[in-house]
């Protein structure tokens, strides 16, 4: 059986971290990814771009529209 793990982040909080805090968080995250990979429980990871570069795609009444930015104003976004 396979599972999908999604991580939601508050980009503003990440941006507010000091360099030392960011480095510590990154080290912890990469260490966990390494542990999962070594144990055979992690198959693949894919990083996403910032929500600032998002494009929302909608189809309404058979018409396609695109809008720069995320679909909704939220604190958290899929990381």
N, C-alpha and C. Protein backbone atom coordinates (compact mmCIF):
# COMPACT_ATOMS: atom_id res chain seq x y z
N UNK A 1 0.84 -1.17 0.00
CA UNK A 1 0.00 0.00 0.00
C UNK A 1 0.89 1.23 0.00
N UNK A 2 0.47 2.23 -0.78
CA UNK A 2 1.22 3.48 -0.86
C UNK A 2 0.38 4.62 -0.31
N UNK A 3 1.06 5.61 0.27
CA UNK A 3 0.40 6.78 0.82
C UNK A 3 1.00 8.04 0.22
N UNK A 4 0.21 9.06 0.18
CA UNK A 4 0.67 10.38 -0.25
C UNK A 4 0.69 11.29 0.97
N UNK A 5 1.79 11.95 1.17
CA UNK A 5 1.92 12.88 2.29
C UNK A 5 2.00 14.29 1.75
N UNK A 6 1.09 15.13 2.18
CA UNK A 6 1.09 16.54 1.77
C UNK A 6 1.46 17.40 2.98
N UNK A 7 2.32 18.37 2.77
CA UNK A 7 2.71 19.27 3.85
C UNK A 7 2.18 20.66 3.54
N UNK A 8 1.46 21.23 4.47
CA UNK A 8 0.96 22.59 4.31
C UNK A 8 1.82 23.53 5.12
N UNK A 9 2.14 24.66 4.52
CA UNK A 9 3.05 25.62 5.16
C UNK A 9 2.43 27.01 5.13
N UNK A 10 2.81 27.81 6.11
CA UNK A 10 2.45 29.23 6.09
C UNK A 10 3.69 29.97 5.62
N UNK A 11 3.67 30.37 4.36
CA UNK A 11 4.85 30.96 3.75
C UNK A 11 5.35 32.20 4.50
N UNK A 12 4.42 32.99 5.02
CA UNK A 12 4.83 34.19 5.78
C UNK A 12 5.65 33.81 7.01
N UNK A 13 5.26 32.73 7.69
CA UNK A 13 6.02 32.30 8.87
C UNK A 13 7.40 31.80 8.46
N UNK A 14 7.47 31.08 7.36
CA UNK A 14 8.78 30.61 6.90
C UNK A 14 9.67 31.78 6.51
N UNK A 15 9.09 32.77 5.85
CA UNK A 15 9.85 33.95 5.45
C UNK A 15 10.35 34.76 6.65
N UNK A 16 9.65 34.66 7.78
CA UNK A 16 10.02 35.42 8.97
C UNK A 16 11.12 34.74 9.79
N UNK A 17 11.49 33.51 9.46
CA UNK A 17 12.53 32.80 10.20
C UNK A 17 13.88 33.46 9.98
N UNK A 18 14.68 33.45 11.03
CA UNK A 18 16.06 33.90 10.88
C UNK A 18 16.82 32.87 10.05
N UNK A 19 17.99 33.23 9.58
CA UNK A 19 18.79 32.29 8.79
C UNK A 19 19.10 31.03 9.60
N UNK A 20 19.43 31.19 10.87
CA UNK A 20 19.74 30.04 11.74
C UNK A 20 18.52 29.15 11.92
N UNK A 21 17.34 29.76 12.12
CA UNK A 21 16.11 28.98 12.28
C UNK A 21 15.78 28.23 10.98
N UNK A 22 15.94 28.93 9.84
CA UNK A 22 15.68 28.30 8.55
C UNK A 22 16.63 27.12 8.32
N UNK A 23 17.91 27.31 8.61
CA UNK A 23 18.90 26.25 8.43
C UNK A 23 18.57 25.04 9.32
N UNK A 24 18.16 25.29 10.56
CA UNK A 24 17.82 24.21 11.48
C UNK A 24 16.59 23.44 10.98
N UNK A 25 15.59 24.17 10.53
CA UNK A 25 14.38 23.52 10.00
C UNK A 25 14.71 22.71 8.76
N UNK A 26 15.51 23.27 7.88
CA UNK A 26 15.89 22.56 6.65
C UNK A 26 16.68 21.31 6.97
N UNK A 27 17.61 21.40 7.92
CA UNK A 27 18.41 20.24 8.32
C UNK A 27 17.52 19.14 8.89
N UNK A 28 16.58 19.52 9.74
CA UNK A 28 15.65 18.55 10.33
C UNK A 28 14.81 17.87 9.24
N UNK A 29 14.32 18.66 8.31
CA UNK A 29 13.49 18.12 7.23
C UNK A 29 14.29 17.16 6.36
N UNK A 30 15.48 17.57 5.94
CA UNK A 30 16.30 16.71 5.08
C UNK A 30 16.74 15.45 5.81
N UNK A 31 16.98 15.56 7.11
CA UNK A 31 17.31 14.37 7.90
C UNK A 31 16.18 13.37 7.93
N UNK A 32 14.96 13.87 8.05
CA UNK A 32 13.79 12.99 8.06
C UNK A 32 13.60 12.35 6.68
N UNK A 33 13.78 13.13 5.63
CA UNK A 33 13.68 12.59 4.27
C UNK A 33 14.74 11.49 4.07
N UNK A 34 15.96 11.72 4.52
CA UNK A 34 17.02 10.70 4.40
C UNK A 34 16.65 9.43 5.16
N UNK A 35 16.11 9.60 6.37
CA UNK A 35 15.70 8.45 7.18
C UNK A 35 14.61 7.63 6.47
N UNK A 36 13.63 8.31 5.93
CA UNK A 36 12.55 7.62 5.21
C UNK A 36 13.09 6.91 3.96
N UNK A 37 14.01 7.55 3.26
CA UNK A 37 14.59 6.95 2.06
C UNK A 37 15.40 5.71 2.40
N UNK A 38 16.26 5.81 3.42
CA UNK A 38 17.08 4.67 3.83
C UNK A 38 16.24 3.48 4.27
N UNK A 39 15.10 3.75 4.89
CA UNK A 39 14.25 2.66 5.38
C UNK A 39 13.36 2.07 4.28
N UNK A 40 13.41 2.67 3.08
CA UNK A 40 12.61 2.17 1.97
C UNK A 40 11.16 2.62 2.01
N UNK A 41 10.83 3.55 2.90
CA UNK A 41 9.44 4.01 3.02
C UNK A 41 9.14 5.23 2.17
N UNK A 42 10.16 5.83 1.57
CA UNK A 42 9.95 7.01 0.73
C UNK A 42 10.34 6.65 -0.70
N UNK A 43 9.40 6.83 -1.61
CA UNK A 43 9.66 6.52 -3.01
C UNK A 43 10.16 7.72 -3.78
N UNK A 44 9.52 8.87 -3.59
CA UNK A 44 9.88 10.05 -4.38
C UNK A 44 9.37 11.31 -3.67
N UNK A 45 10.08 12.40 -3.89
CA UNK A 45 9.62 13.70 -3.41
C UNK A 45 9.67 14.68 -4.57
N UNK A 46 8.78 15.65 -4.55
CA UNK A 46 8.78 16.71 -5.55
C UNK A 46 8.53 18.03 -4.84
N UNK A 47 9.42 18.97 -5.04
CA UNK A 47 9.24 20.29 -4.44
C UNK A 47 8.31 21.13 -5.30
N UNK A 48 7.54 21.98 -4.67
CA UNK A 48 6.65 22.89 -5.37
C UNK A 48 7.24 24.30 -5.36
N UNK A 49 6.85 25.08 -6.32
CA UNK A 49 7.25 26.48 -6.36
C UNK A 49 6.44 27.26 -5.32
N UNK A 50 6.86 28.46 -5.03
CA UNK A 50 6.15 29.33 -4.10
C UNK A 50 4.73 29.60 -4.61
N UNK A 51 3.81 29.79 -3.67
CA UNK A 51 2.44 30.13 -4.03
C UNK A 51 2.40 31.44 -4.81
N UNK A 52 3.42 32.26 -4.63
CA UNK A 52 3.49 33.54 -5.35
C UNK A 52 3.57 33.35 -6.87
N UNK A 53 4.03 32.19 -7.30
CA UNK A 53 4.14 31.93 -8.74
C UNK A 53 3.00 31.06 -9.26
N UNK A 54 1.97 30.87 -8.45
CA UNK A 54 0.84 30.01 -8.83
C UNK A 54 0.01 30.61 -9.95
N UNK A 55 -0.63 29.75 -10.70
CA UNK A 55 -1.63 30.13 -11.68
C UNK A 55 -2.87 29.29 -11.41
N UNK A 56 -4.00 29.93 -11.27
CA UNK A 56 -5.26 29.21 -11.05
C UNK A 56 -5.92 28.99 -12.40
N UNK A 57 -6.31 27.75 -12.65
CA UNK A 57 -6.98 27.39 -13.90
C UNK A 57 -8.40 26.99 -13.57
N UNK A 58 -9.37 27.60 -14.29
CA UNK A 58 -10.78 27.30 -14.05
C UNK A 58 -11.46 27.00 -15.39
N UNK A 59 -12.45 26.11 -15.32
CA UNK A 59 -13.33 25.89 -16.47
C UNK A 59 -14.75 26.16 -15.98
N UNK A 60 -15.38 27.14 -16.59
CA UNK A 60 -16.76 27.52 -16.25
C UNK A 60 -17.56 27.59 -17.55
N UNK A 61 -18.64 26.83 -17.58
CA UNK A 61 -19.51 26.79 -18.75
C UNK A 61 -18.71 26.52 -20.02
N UNK A 62 -17.77 25.58 -19.90
CA UNK A 62 -16.97 25.17 -21.04
C UNK A 62 -15.87 26.14 -21.45
N UNK A 63 -15.69 27.22 -20.69
CA UNK A 63 -14.67 28.21 -21.03
C UNK A 63 -13.52 28.14 -20.03
N UNK A 64 -12.32 28.17 -20.55
CA UNK A 64 -11.11 28.10 -19.74
C UNK A 64 -10.64 29.50 -19.40
N UNK A 65 -10.28 29.70 -18.13
CA UNK A 65 -9.68 30.97 -17.74
C UNK A 65 -8.50 30.69 -16.81
N UNK A 66 -7.50 31.54 -16.90
CA UNK A 66 -6.35 31.44 -16.00
C UNK A 66 -6.16 32.77 -15.29
N UNK A 67 -5.75 32.68 -14.04
CA UNK A 67 -5.52 33.87 -13.22
C UNK A 67 -4.20 33.68 -12.48
N UNK A 68 -3.37 34.70 -12.49
CA UNK A 68 -2.13 34.62 -11.70
C UNK A 68 -2.48 34.60 -10.23
N UNK A 69 -1.77 33.77 -9.49
CA UNK A 69 -1.96 33.71 -8.05
C UNK A 69 -2.79 32.51 -7.62
N UNK A 70 -2.82 32.25 -6.32
CA UNK A 70 -3.55 31.09 -5.80
C UNK A 70 -5.05 31.28 -5.91
N UNK A 71 -5.77 30.18 -5.80
CA UNK A 71 -7.23 30.18 -5.91
C UNK A 71 -7.89 31.01 -4.82
N UNK A 72 -7.41 30.87 -3.61
CA UNK A 72 -8.04 31.56 -2.48
C UNK A 72 -6.97 32.18 -1.60
N UNK A 73 -7.34 33.22 -0.92
CA UNK A 73 -6.44 33.82 0.05
C UNK A 73 -6.46 32.98 1.31
N UNK A 74 -5.40 32.27 1.57
CA UNK A 74 -5.31 31.44 2.75
C UNK A 74 -3.96 31.68 3.42
N UNK A 75 -3.87 31.35 4.67
CA UNK A 75 -2.58 31.44 5.36
C UNK A 75 -1.68 30.29 4.94
N UNK A 76 -2.27 29.11 4.81
CA UNK A 76 -1.49 27.92 4.50
C UNK A 76 -1.59 27.58 3.03
N UNK A 77 -0.52 27.03 2.51
CA UNK A 77 -0.52 26.54 1.14
C UNK A 77 0.18 25.20 1.12
N UNK A 78 -0.10 24.44 0.08
CA UNK A 78 0.53 23.14 -0.07
C UNK A 78 2.01 23.35 -0.30
N UNK A 79 2.84 22.74 0.54
CA UNK A 79 4.28 22.90 0.44
C UNK A 79 4.88 21.72 -0.21
